[in-house]
């Protein structure tokens, strides 16, 4: 009987570290899920930003896109370093959802591209801000929590610039 109980405690002791590494509090979202979402978002934003260089007609949209390429490329490098240190896996290519989005944007040109791109950037950054805020509050890995917290102002800057374009106010070029 004592041997069975000791065995159960050993199994629990081995299982708990992986549970702590992969879960992030209420809602059941894991740190790994956050890393995957962050990396996919960064790659998609950089990809669509590069596409905007040729498909967008508005200089404001092109300026926003360039800011997103620069910032999300930097963010991808940061999340890769933090995730690798935490022993988590970072995707190296777009998933099917983001690949499909990229293909859709490749078919758009000029004002149609501009309108859809700006709308998607507002919506996408609102979702990203919510995910980063949740990770900053509920994540289990301290480095990931700090990364999420430190990246929020950049995402908010992106959302604000996209909202300004959506309202016809133009995007102001800001330093990253």
N, C-alpha and C. Protein backbone atom coordinates (compact mmCIF):
# COMPACT_ATOMS: atom_id res chain seq x y z
N UNK A 1 0.82 -1.20 0.00
CA UNK A 1 0.00 0.00 0.00
C UNK A 1 0.87 1.26 0.00
N UNK A 2 1.90 1.26 0.89
CA UNK A 2 2.79 2.41 0.94
C UNK A 2 3.52 2.60 -0.38
N UNK A 3 3.88 1.50 -1.04
CA UNK A 3 4.58 1.57 -2.31
C UNK A 3 3.68 2.16 -3.40
N UNK A 4 2.40 1.83 -3.40
CA UNK A 4 1.44 2.37 -4.37
C UNK A 4 1.26 3.87 -4.17
N UNK A 5 1.11 4.29 -2.93
CA UNK A 5 0.95 5.72 -2.64
C UNK A 5 2.22 6.48 -3.03
N UNK A 6 3.38 5.92 -2.71
CA UNK A 6 4.64 6.56 -3.08
C UNK A 6 4.74 6.68 -4.60
N UNK A 7 4.32 5.66 -5.30
CA UNK A 7 4.33 5.69 -6.77
C UNK A 7 3.42 6.78 -7.32
N UNK A 8 2.25 6.94 -6.73
CA UNK A 8 1.33 7.98 -7.16
C UNK A 8 1.91 9.37 -6.93
N UNK A 9 2.57 9.54 -5.78
CA UNK A 9 3.19 10.84 -5.50
C UNK A 9 4.33 11.13 -6.48
N UNK A 10 5.09 10.11 -6.82
CA UNK A 10 6.17 10.30 -7.80
C UNK A 10 5.60 10.70 -9.16
N UNK A 11 4.53 10.02 -9.58
CA UNK A 11 3.89 10.38 -10.86
C UNK A 11 3.38 11.81 -10.83
N UNK A 12 2.75 12.17 -9.73
CA UNK A 12 2.23 13.54 -9.60
C UNK A 12 3.37 14.54 -9.61
N UNK A 13 4.46 14.22 -8.96
CA UNK A 13 5.61 15.13 -8.91
C UNK A 13 6.21 15.31 -10.30
N UNK A 14 6.21 14.28 -11.10
CA UNK A 14 6.73 14.38 -12.46
C UNK A 14 5.78 15.14 -13.38
N UNK A 15 4.50 15.02 -13.15
CA UNK A 15 3.48 15.65 -14.00
C UNK A 15 3.32 17.14 -13.72
N UNK A 16 3.43 17.55 -12.46
CA UNK A 16 3.17 18.94 -12.09
C UNK A 16 4.06 19.96 -12.79
N UNK A 17 5.38 19.72 -12.94
CA UNK A 17 6.18 20.74 -13.65
C UNK A 17 5.71 20.98 -15.08
N UNK A 18 5.32 19.92 -15.78
CA UNK A 18 4.84 20.12 -17.16
C UNK A 18 3.50 20.84 -17.15
N UNK A 19 2.68 20.58 -16.16
CA UNK A 19 1.41 21.28 -16.04
C UNK A 19 1.66 22.76 -15.76
N UNK A 20 2.57 23.06 -14.86
CA UNK A 20 2.88 24.45 -14.53
C UNK A 20 3.47 25.19 -15.72
N UNK A 21 4.30 24.51 -16.51
CA UNK A 21 4.91 25.15 -17.66
C UNK A 21 3.88 25.45 -18.73
N UNK A 22 2.89 24.60 -18.88
CA UNK A 22 1.99 24.71 -20.02
C UNK A 22 0.67 25.38 -19.75
N UNK A 23 0.28 25.57 -18.52
CA UNK A 23 -1.00 26.20 -18.26
C UNK A 23 -0.80 27.61 -17.76
N UNK A 24 -1.80 28.42 -18.01
CA UNK A 24 -1.66 29.81 -17.55
C UNK A 24 -2.93 30.28 -16.90
N UNK A 25 -3.25 29.67 -15.80
CA UNK A 25 -4.35 30.15 -14.98
C UNK A 25 -5.71 29.92 -15.57
N UNK A 26 -6.64 30.81 -15.21
CA UNK A 26 -8.04 30.69 -15.62
C UNK A 26 -8.17 30.72 -17.12
N UNK A 27 -9.11 29.95 -17.62
CA UNK A 27 -9.37 29.94 -19.04
C UNK A 27 -8.63 28.83 -19.76
N UNK A 28 -7.63 28.22 -19.12
CA UNK A 28 -6.98 27.07 -19.70
C UNK A 28 -6.02 27.35 -20.85
N UNK A 29 -5.74 28.58 -21.17
CA UNK A 29 -4.81 28.87 -22.24
C UNK A 29 -3.40 28.63 -21.72
N UNK A 30 -2.59 27.95 -22.51
CA UNK A 30 -1.24 27.65 -22.06
C UNK A 30 -0.24 28.68 -22.57
N UNK A 31 0.92 28.69 -21.93
CA UNK A 31 2.00 29.53 -22.41
C UNK A 31 2.37 29.13 -23.84
N UNK A 32 2.34 27.82 -24.12
CA UNK A 32 2.64 27.37 -25.49
C UNK A 32 1.62 27.93 -26.47
N UNK A 33 0.36 27.94 -26.09
CA UNK A 33 -0.68 28.52 -26.97
C UNK A 33 -0.39 29.99 -27.24
N UNK A 34 0.04 30.70 -26.20
CA UNK A 34 0.37 32.12 -26.37
C UNK A 34 1.55 32.29 -27.32
N UNK A 35 2.59 31.48 -27.15
CA UNK A 35 3.76 31.57 -28.02
C UNK A 35 3.35 31.32 -29.47
N UNK A 36 2.53 30.32 -29.68
CA UNK A 36 2.07 30.00 -31.04
C UNK A 36 1.27 31.17 -31.61
N UNK A 37 0.35 31.71 -30.83
CA UNK A 37 -0.45 32.84 -31.29
C UNK A 37 0.43 34.06 -31.58
N UNK A 38 1.35 34.37 -30.68
CA UNK A 38 2.22 35.54 -30.85
C UNK A 38 3.09 35.39 -32.10
N UNK A 39 3.68 34.23 -32.27
CA UNK A 39 4.55 34.01 -33.43
C UNK A 39 3.76 34.04 -34.73
N UNK A 40 2.58 33.41 -34.74
CA UNK A 40 1.74 33.44 -35.94
C UNK A 40 1.31 34.86 -36.28
N UNK A 41 0.95 35.62 -35.26
CA UNK A 41 0.55 37.01 -35.47
C UNK A 41 1.71 37.81 -36.03
N UNK A 42 2.89 37.65 -35.44
CA UNK A 42 4.06 38.39 -35.91
C UNK A 42 4.38 38.06 -37.36
N UNK A 43 4.39 36.77 -37.69
CA UNK A 43 4.71 36.37 -39.07
C UNK A 43 3.66 36.88 -40.05
N UNK A 44 2.38 36.79 -39.68
CA UNK A 44 1.30 37.24 -40.56
C UNK A 44 1.37 38.75 -40.77
N UNK A 45 1.60 39.51 -39.70
CA UNK A 45 1.67 40.97 -39.82
C UNK A 45 2.84 41.39 -40.71
N UNK A 46 3.98 40.74 -40.54
CA UNK A 46 5.14 41.06 -41.37
C UNK A 46 4.88 40.67 -42.83
N UNK A 47 4.27 39.52 -43.04
CA UNK A 47 3.95 39.06 -44.39
C UNK A 47 2.98 40.01 -45.09
N UNK A 48 1.90 40.37 -44.41
CA UNK A 48 0.91 41.28 -45.00
C UNK A 48 1.48 42.68 -45.18
N UNK A 49 2.33 43.09 -44.27
CA UNK A 49 2.97 44.39 -44.40
C UNK A 49 3.84 44.47 -45.64
N UNK A 50 4.58 43.40 -45.91
CA UNK A 50 5.40 43.36 -47.12
C UNK A 50 4.52 43.37 -48.37
N UNK A 51 3.41 42.69 -48.30
CA UNK A 51 2.47 42.67 -49.42
C UNK A 51 1.89 44.05 -49.67
N UNK A 52 1.69 44.82 -48.62
CA UNK A 52 1.14 46.18 -48.74
C UNK A 52 2.07 47.10 -49.52
N UNK A 53 3.37 46.82 -49.49
CA UNK A 53 4.31 47.65 -50.23
C UNK A 53 3.96 47.72 -51.71
N UNK A 54 3.44 46.61 -52.26
CA UNK A 54 3.11 46.58 -53.69
C UNK A 54 1.61 46.69 -53.96
N UNK A 55 0.77 46.26 -53.03
CA UNK A 55 -0.67 46.21 -53.31
C UNK A 55 -1.45 47.40 -52.78
N UNK A 56 -0.92 48.13 -51.82
CA UNK A 56 -1.64 49.27 -51.25
C UNK A 56 -1.50 50.49 -52.16
N UNK A 57 -2.50 51.36 -52.11
CA UNK A 57 -2.43 52.59 -52.91
C UNK A 57 -2.19 53.81 -52.03
N UNK A 58 -2.61 53.77 -50.78
CA UNK A 58 -2.48 54.91 -49.87
C UNK A 58 -1.10 54.92 -49.21
N UNK A 59 -0.48 56.09 -49.17
CA UNK A 59 0.81 56.21 -48.48
C UNK A 59 0.64 55.95 -46.98
N UNK A 60 -0.48 56.33 -46.41
CA UNK A 60 -0.74 56.05 -45.00
C UNK A 60 -0.76 54.56 -44.71
N UNK A 61 -1.37 53.79 -45.60
CA UNK A 61 -1.40 52.33 -45.44
C UNK A 61 0.01 51.76 -45.58
N UNK A 62 0.76 52.27 -46.54
CA UNK A 62 2.13 51.80 -46.73
C UNK A 62 3.00 52.14 -45.52
N UNK A 63 2.80 53.31 -44.93
CA UNK A 63 3.55 53.69 -43.73
C UNK A 63 3.20 52.78 -42.55
N UNK A 64 1.91 52.51 -42.38
CA UNK A 64 1.47 51.59 -41.33
C UNK A 64 2.09 50.22 -41.55
N UNK A 65 2.03 49.75 -42.78
CA UNK A 65 2.56 48.43 -43.10
C UNK A 65 4.05 48.34 -42.79
N UNK A 66 4.80 49.38 -43.13
CA UNK A 66 6.25 49.36 -42.86
C UNK A 66 6.52 49.31 -41.36
N UNK A 67 5.75 50.07 -40.59
CA UNK A 67 5.89 50.03 -39.13
C UNK A 67 5.61 48.62 -38.62
N UNK A 68 4.57 47.98 -39.15
CA UNK A 68 4.22 46.63 -38.70
C UNK A 68 5.29 45.62 -39.07
N UNK A 69 5.85 45.73 -40.27
CA UNK A 69 6.93 44.82 -40.68
C UNK A 69 8.10 44.94 -39.71
N UNK A 70 8.51 46.16 -39.45
CA UNK A 70 9.64 46.40 -38.55
C UNK A 70 9.37 45.89 -37.14
N UNK A 71 8.24 46.31 -36.58
CA UNK A 71 7.94 45.95 -35.19
C UNK A 71 7.66 44.46 -35.01
N UNK A 72 6.89 43.86 -35.92
CA UNK A 72 6.54 42.45 -35.74
C UNK A 72 7.70 41.52 -36.06
N UNK A 73 8.63 41.95 -36.90
CA UNK A 73 9.84 41.16 -37.11
C UNK A 73 10.67 41.16 -35.83
N UNK A 74 10.80 42.31 -35.21
CA UNK A 74 11.50 42.41 -33.93
C UNK A 74 10.79 41.59 -32.86
N UNK A 75 9.46 41.70 -32.80
CA UNK A 75 8.68 40.94 -31.81
C UNK A 75 8.86 39.43 -32.00
N UNK A 76 8.87 38.98 -33.26
CA UNK A 76 9.05 37.55 -33.54
C UNK A 76 10.40 37.08 -33.00
N UNK A 77 11.44 37.88 -33.22
CA UNK A 77 12.76 37.52 -32.71
C UNK A 77 12.76 37.46 -31.19
N UNK A 78 12.06 38.40 -30.55
CA UNK A 78 11.99 38.42 -29.08
C UNK A 78 11.22 37.21 -28.54
N UNK A 79 10.05 36.91 -29.14
CA UNK A 79 9.26 35.79 -28.64
C UNK A 79 10.00 34.47 -28.87
N UNK A 80 10.76 34.41 -29.95
CA UNK A 80 11.55 33.20 -30.21
C UNK A 80 12.59 33.00 -29.11
N UNK A 81 13.29 34.06 -28.74
CA UNK A 81 14.30 33.95 -27.68
C UNK A 81 13.68 33.57 -26.35
N UNK A 82 12.58 34.22 -25.99
CA UNK A 82 11.94 33.95 -24.70
C UNK A 82 11.37 32.54 -24.67
N UNK A 83 10.71 32.14 -25.74
CA UNK A 83 10.10 30.81 -25.79
C UNK A 83 11.16 29.71 -25.78
N UNK A 84 12.24 29.92 -26.52
CA UNK A 84 13.31 28.93 -26.55
C UNK A 84 13.90 28.74 -25.15
N UNK A 85 14.11 29.85 -24.45
CA UNK A 85 14.62 29.79 -23.07
C UNK A 85 13.66 29.01 -22.17
N UNK A 86 12.35 29.14 -22.43
CA UNK A 86 11.34 28.46 -21.63
C UNK A 86 11.10 27.01 -22.08
N UNK A 87 11.80 26.59 -23.14
CA UNK A 87 11.63 25.22 -23.63
C UNK A 87 10.36 25.02 -24.44
N UNK A 88 9.83 26.10 -25.00
CA UNK A 88 8.60 26.02 -25.79
C UNK A 88 8.93 26.08 -27.28
N UNK A 89 8.01 25.62 -28.09
CA UNK A 89 8.20 25.53 -29.53
C UNK A 89 7.64 26.77 -30.22
N UNK A 90 8.44 27.32 -31.14
CA UNK A 90 8.03 28.50 -31.90
C UNK A 90 7.78 28.08 -33.34
N UNK A 91 6.58 28.37 -33.87
CA UNK A 91 6.34 28.02 -35.28
C UNK A 91 7.27 28.81 -36.20
N UNK A 92 7.68 28.18 -37.29
CA UNK A 92 8.60 28.81 -38.23
C UNK A 92 7.91 29.24 -39.52
N UNK A 93 6.65 28.90 -39.68
CA UNK A 93 5.90 29.27 -40.88
C UNK A 93 4.44 29.52 -40.53
N UNK A 94 3.75 30.18 -41.46
CA UNK A 94 2.33 30.49 -41.24
C UNK A 94 1.49 29.22 -41.16
N UNK A 95 0.49 29.24 -40.29
CA UNK A 95 -0.46 28.14 -40.24
C UNK A 95 -1.47 28.30 -41.37
N UNK A 96 -2.36 27.33 -41.52
CA UNK A 96 -3.31 27.35 -42.65
C UNK A 96 -4.22 28.57 -42.64
N UNK A 97 -4.65 28.99 -41.46
CA UNK A 97 -5.54 30.16 -41.36
C UNK A 97 -4.85 31.41 -41.88
N UNK A 98 -3.62 31.64 -41.44
CA UNK A 98 -2.90 32.84 -41.86
C UNK A 98 -2.44 32.75 -43.31
N UNK A 99 -2.14 31.54 -43.76
CA UNK A 99 -1.78 31.32 -45.17
C UNK A 99 -2.97 31.67 -46.06
N UNK A 100 -4.15 31.24 -45.66
CA UNK A 100 -5.37 31.54 -46.41
C UNK A 100 -5.62 33.06 -46.46
N UNK A 101 -5.40 33.73 -45.32
CA UNK A 101 -5.57 35.18 -45.27
C UNK A 101 -4.59 35.86 -46.23
N UNK A 102 -3.36 35.40 -46.23
CA UNK A 102 -2.34 35.97 -47.11
C UNK A 102 -2.74 35.80 -48.58
N UNK A 103 -3.22 34.64 -48.93
CA UNK A 103 -3.66 34.38 -50.31
C UNK A 103 -4.80 35.31 -50.70
N UNK A 104 -5.73 35.56 -49.78
CA UNK A 104 -6.84 36.45 -50.06
C UNK A 104 -6.33 37.87 -50.32
N UNK A 105 -5.38 38.33 -49.50
CA UNK A 105 -4.83 39.68 -49.66
C UNK A 105 -4.02 39.81 -50.94
N UNK A 106 -3.41 38.74 -51.40
CA UNK A 106 -2.63 38.79 -52.64
C UNK A 106 -3.51 39.12 -53.84
N UNK A 107 -4.79 38.84 -53.74
CA UNK A 107 -5.72 39.08 -54.85
C UNK A 107 -6.25 40.51 -54.86
N UNK A 108 -6.04 41.26 -53.78
CA UNK A 108 -6.56 42.62 -53.68
C UNK A 108 -5.51 43.64 -54.08
N UNK A 109 -5.96 44.73 -54.68
CA UNK A 109 -5.07 45.81 -55.10
C UNK A 109 -5.73 47.15 -54.81
N UNK A 110 -4.91 48.19 -54.65
CA UNK A 110 -5.39 49.56 -54.54
C UNK A 110 -6.30 49.80 -53.35
N UNK A 111 -7.37 50.54 -53.59
CA UNK A 111 -8.29 50.94 -52.52
C UNK A 111 -8.95 49.73 -51.85
N UNK A 112 -9.23 48.68 -52.62
CA UNK A 112 -9.84 47.48 -52.02
C UNK A 112 -8.87 46.84 -51.02
N UNK A 113 -7.59 46.81 -51.39
CA UNK A 113 -6.58 46.28 -50.48
C UNK A 113 -6.51 47.16 -49.24
N UNK A 114 -6.42 48.48 -49.45
CA UNK A 114 -6.28 49.43 -48.35
C UNK A 114 -7.40 49.26 -47.33
N UNK A 115 -8.63 49.24 -47.82
CA UNK A 115 -9.79 49.15 -46.94
C UNK A 115 -9.77 47.85 -46.13
N UNK A 116 -9.54 46.73 -46.80
CA UNK A 116 -9.56 45.43 -46.13
C UNK A 116 -8.38 45.29 -45.16
N UNK A 117 -7.22 45.78 -45.59
CA UNK A 117 -6.01 45.71 -44.76
C UNK A 117 -6.20 46.48 -43.46
N UNK A 118 -6.67 47.70 -43.55
CA UNK A 118 -6.86 48.54 -42.36
C UNK A 118 -7.88 47.91 -41.43
N UNK A 119 -8.99 47.43 -41.98
CA UNK A 119 -10.01 46.78 -41.15
C UNK A 119 -9.43 45.55 -40.44
N UNK A 120 -8.64 44.77 -41.15
CA UNK A 120 -8.05 43.57 -40.57
C UNK A 120 -7.02 43.93 -39.50
N UNK A 121 -6.28 45.02 -39.71
CA UNK A 121 -5.27 45.43 -38.72
C UNK A 121 -5.93 45.92 -37.43
N UNK A 122 -7.05 46.62 -37.54
CA UNK A 122 -7.77 47.04 -36.33
C UNK A 122 -8.27 45.81 -35.58
N UNK A 123 -8.97 44.93 -36.29
CA UNK A 123 -9.54 43.73 -35.67
C UNK A 123 -8.44 42.82 -35.11
N UNK A 124 -7.40 42.60 -35.89
CA UNK A 124 -6.32 41.72 -35.46
C UNK A 124 -5.57 42.24 -34.25
N UNK A 125 -5.35 43.56 -34.23
CA UNK A 125 -4.63 44.12 -33.08
C UNK A 125 -5.49 44.15 -31.83
N UNK A 126 -6.79 44.29 -31.97
CA UNK A 126 -7.67 44.21 -30.80
C UNK A 126 -7.61 42.81 -30.20
N UNK A 127 -7.62 41.79 -31.05
CA UNK A 127 -7.52 40.41 -30.56
C UNK A 127 -6.16 40.15 -29.94
N UNK A 128 -5.11 40.65 -30.57
CA UNK A 128 -3.75 40.45 -30.04
C UNK A 128 -3.59 41.14 -28.68
N UNK A 129 -4.10 42.34 -28.57
CA UNK A 129 -4.01 43.07 -27.29
C UNK A 129 -4.69 42.28 -26.18
N UNK A 130 -5.85 41.71 -26.46
CA UNK A 130 -6.55 40.91 -25.46
C UNK A 130 -5.72 39.68 -25.06
N UNK A 131 -5.12 39.01 -26.03
CA UNK A 131 -4.31 37.82 -25.74
C UNK A 131 -3.05 38.18 -24.96
N UNK A 132 -2.39 39.26 -25.35
CA UNK A 132 -1.18 39.68 -24.65
C UNK A 132 -1.51 40.15 -23.23
N UNK A 133 -2.62 40.83 -23.07
CA UNK A 133 -3.02 41.27 -21.74
C UNK A 133 -3.30 40.06 -20.84
N UNK A 134 -3.96 39.06 -21.38
CA UNK A 134 -4.25 37.84 -20.62
C UNK A 134 -2.95 37.14 -20.22
N UNK A 135 -2.01 37.05 -21.16
CA UNK A 135 -0.73 36.40 -20.84
C UNK A 135 0.03 37.20 -19.78
N UNK A 136 0.01 38.52 -19.90
CA UNK A 136 0.70 39.38 -18.92
C UNK A 136 0.14 39.18 -17.52
N UNK A 137 -1.16 38.91 -17.43
CA UNK A 137 -1.80 38.72 -16.13
C UNK A 137 -1.72 37.27 -15.65
N UNK A 138 -1.98 36.31 -16.56
CA UNK A 138 -2.21 34.93 -16.16
C UNK A 138 -1.13 33.93 -16.54
N UNK A 139 -0.15 34.33 -17.33
CA UNK A 139 0.88 33.39 -17.78
C UNK A 139 1.66 32.80 -16.62
N UNK A 140 2.21 31.63 -16.83
CA UNK A 140 2.98 30.95 -15.78
C UNK A 140 4.46 31.28 -15.85
N UNK A 141 4.97 31.52 -17.04
CA UNK A 141 6.40 31.79 -17.21
C UNK A 141 6.64 33.29 -17.04
N UNK A 142 7.51 33.65 -16.11
CA UNK A 142 7.75 35.07 -15.80
C UNK A 142 8.30 35.83 -17.01
N UNK A 143 9.18 35.20 -17.78
CA UNK A 143 9.75 35.88 -18.95
C UNK A 143 8.68 36.13 -20.02
N UNK A 144 7.79 35.17 -20.21
CA UNK A 144 6.70 35.35 -21.18
C UNK A 144 5.73 36.44 -20.72
N UNK A 145 5.45 36.45 -19.43
CA UNK A 145 4.57 37.49 -18.88
C UNK A 145 5.19 38.87 -19.10
N UNK A 146 6.48 38.99 -18.85
CA UNK A 146 7.16 40.27 -19.03
C UNK A 146 7.18 40.67 -20.51
N UNK A 147 7.44 39.70 -21.38
CA UNK A 147 7.42 39.98 -22.83
C UNK A 147 6.05 40.50 -23.24
N UNK A 148 5.00 39.83 -22.80
CA UNK A 148 3.64 40.23 -23.16
C UNK A 148 3.35 41.65 -22.66
N UNK A 149 3.70 41.92 -21.42
CA UNK A 149 3.46 43.24 -20.83
C UNK A 149 4.24 44.32 -21.58
N UNK A 150 5.48 44.04 -21.91
CA UNK A 150 6.33 45.02 -22.59
C UNK A 150 5.94 45.24 -24.05
N UNK A 151 5.27 44.28 -24.66
CA UNK A 151 4.88 44.39 -26.06
C UNK A 151 3.53 45.08 -26.23
N UNK A 152 2.72 45.11 -25.19
CA UNK A 152 1.39 45.73 -25.28
C UNK A 152 1.41 47.16 -25.81
N UNK A 153 2.30 48.05 -25.37
CA UNK A 153 2.29 49.42 -25.91
C UNK A 153 2.52 49.47 -27.43
N UNK A 154 3.34 48.59 -27.95
CA UNK A 154 3.57 48.54 -29.40
C UNK A 154 2.29 48.12 -30.12
N UNK A 155 1.63 47.10 -29.59
CA UNK A 155 0.37 46.65 -30.21
C UNK A 155 -0.69 47.74 -30.14
N UNK A 156 -0.74 48.46 -29.04
CA UNK A 156 -1.71 49.56 -28.90
C UNK A 156 -1.39 50.68 -29.88
N UNK A 157 -0.11 50.95 -30.10
CA UNK A 157 0.31 51.95 -31.09
C UNK A 157 -0.15 51.54 -32.49
N UNK A 158 -0.01 50.26 -32.80
CA UNK A 158 -0.44 49.75 -34.11
C UNK A 158 -1.95 49.90 -34.27
N UNK A 159 -2.68 49.51 -33.22
CA UNK A 159 -4.15 49.61 -33.29
C UNK A 159 -4.57 51.06 -33.48
N UNK A 160 -3.97 51.98 -32.75
CA UNK A 160 -4.31 53.40 -32.86
C UNK A 160 -4.04 53.92 -34.27
N UNK A 161 -2.91 53.55 -34.84
CA UNK A 161 -2.58 53.98 -36.21
C UNK A 161 -3.57 53.41 -37.22
N UNK A 162 -3.94 52.16 -37.05
CA UNK A 162 -4.91 51.54 -37.96
C UNK A 162 -6.29 52.17 -37.80
N UNK A 163 -6.68 52.46 -36.56
CA UNK A 163 -7.97 53.12 -36.33
C UNK A 163 -8.00 54.50 -36.97
N UNK A 164 -6.89 55.23 -36.90
CA UNK A 164 -6.82 56.55 -37.52
C UNK A 164 -7.01 56.45 -39.04
N UNK A 165 -6.41 55.44 -39.63
CA UNK A 165 -6.60 55.24 -41.07
C UNK A 165 -8.03 54.85 -41.39
N UNK A 166 -8.61 54.01 -40.55
CA UNK A 166 -9.99 53.56 -40.77
C UNK A 166 -10.95 54.74 -40.72
N UNK A 167 -10.64 55.72 -39.87
CA UNK A 167 -11.51 56.90 -39.73
C UNK A 167 -11.15 57.98 -40.74
N UNK A 168 -10.15 57.70 -41.59
CA UNK A 168 -9.76 58.68 -42.59
C UNK A 168 -8.80 59.72 -42.07
N UNK A 169 -8.24 59.51 -40.87
CA UNK A 169 -7.34 60.49 -40.28
C UNK A 169 -5.91 60.34 -40.72
N UNK A 170 -5.59 59.27 -41.45
CA UNK A 170 -4.21 59.05 -41.88
C UNK A 170 -3.37 58.48 -40.76
N UNK A 171 -2.37 57.74 -41.11
CA UNK A 171 -1.47 57.16 -40.12
C UNK A 171 -0.27 58.07 -39.95
N UNK A 172 0.03 58.38 -38.73
CA UNK A 172 1.20 59.20 -38.46
C UNK A 172 2.38 58.27 -38.33
N UNK A 173 3.47 58.63 -38.95
CA UNK A 173 4.67 57.83 -38.86
C UNK A 173 5.30 58.06 -37.49
N UNK A 174 5.42 57.00 -36.72
CA UNK A 174 5.98 57.14 -35.38
C UNK A 174 7.20 56.26 -35.26
N UNK A 175 8.10 56.66 -34.41
CA UNK A 175 9.29 55.84 -34.16
C UNK A 175 8.91 54.63 -33.33
N UNK A 176 9.55 53.53 -33.60
CA UNK A 176 9.26 52.30 -32.88
C UNK A 176 10.02 52.22 -31.60
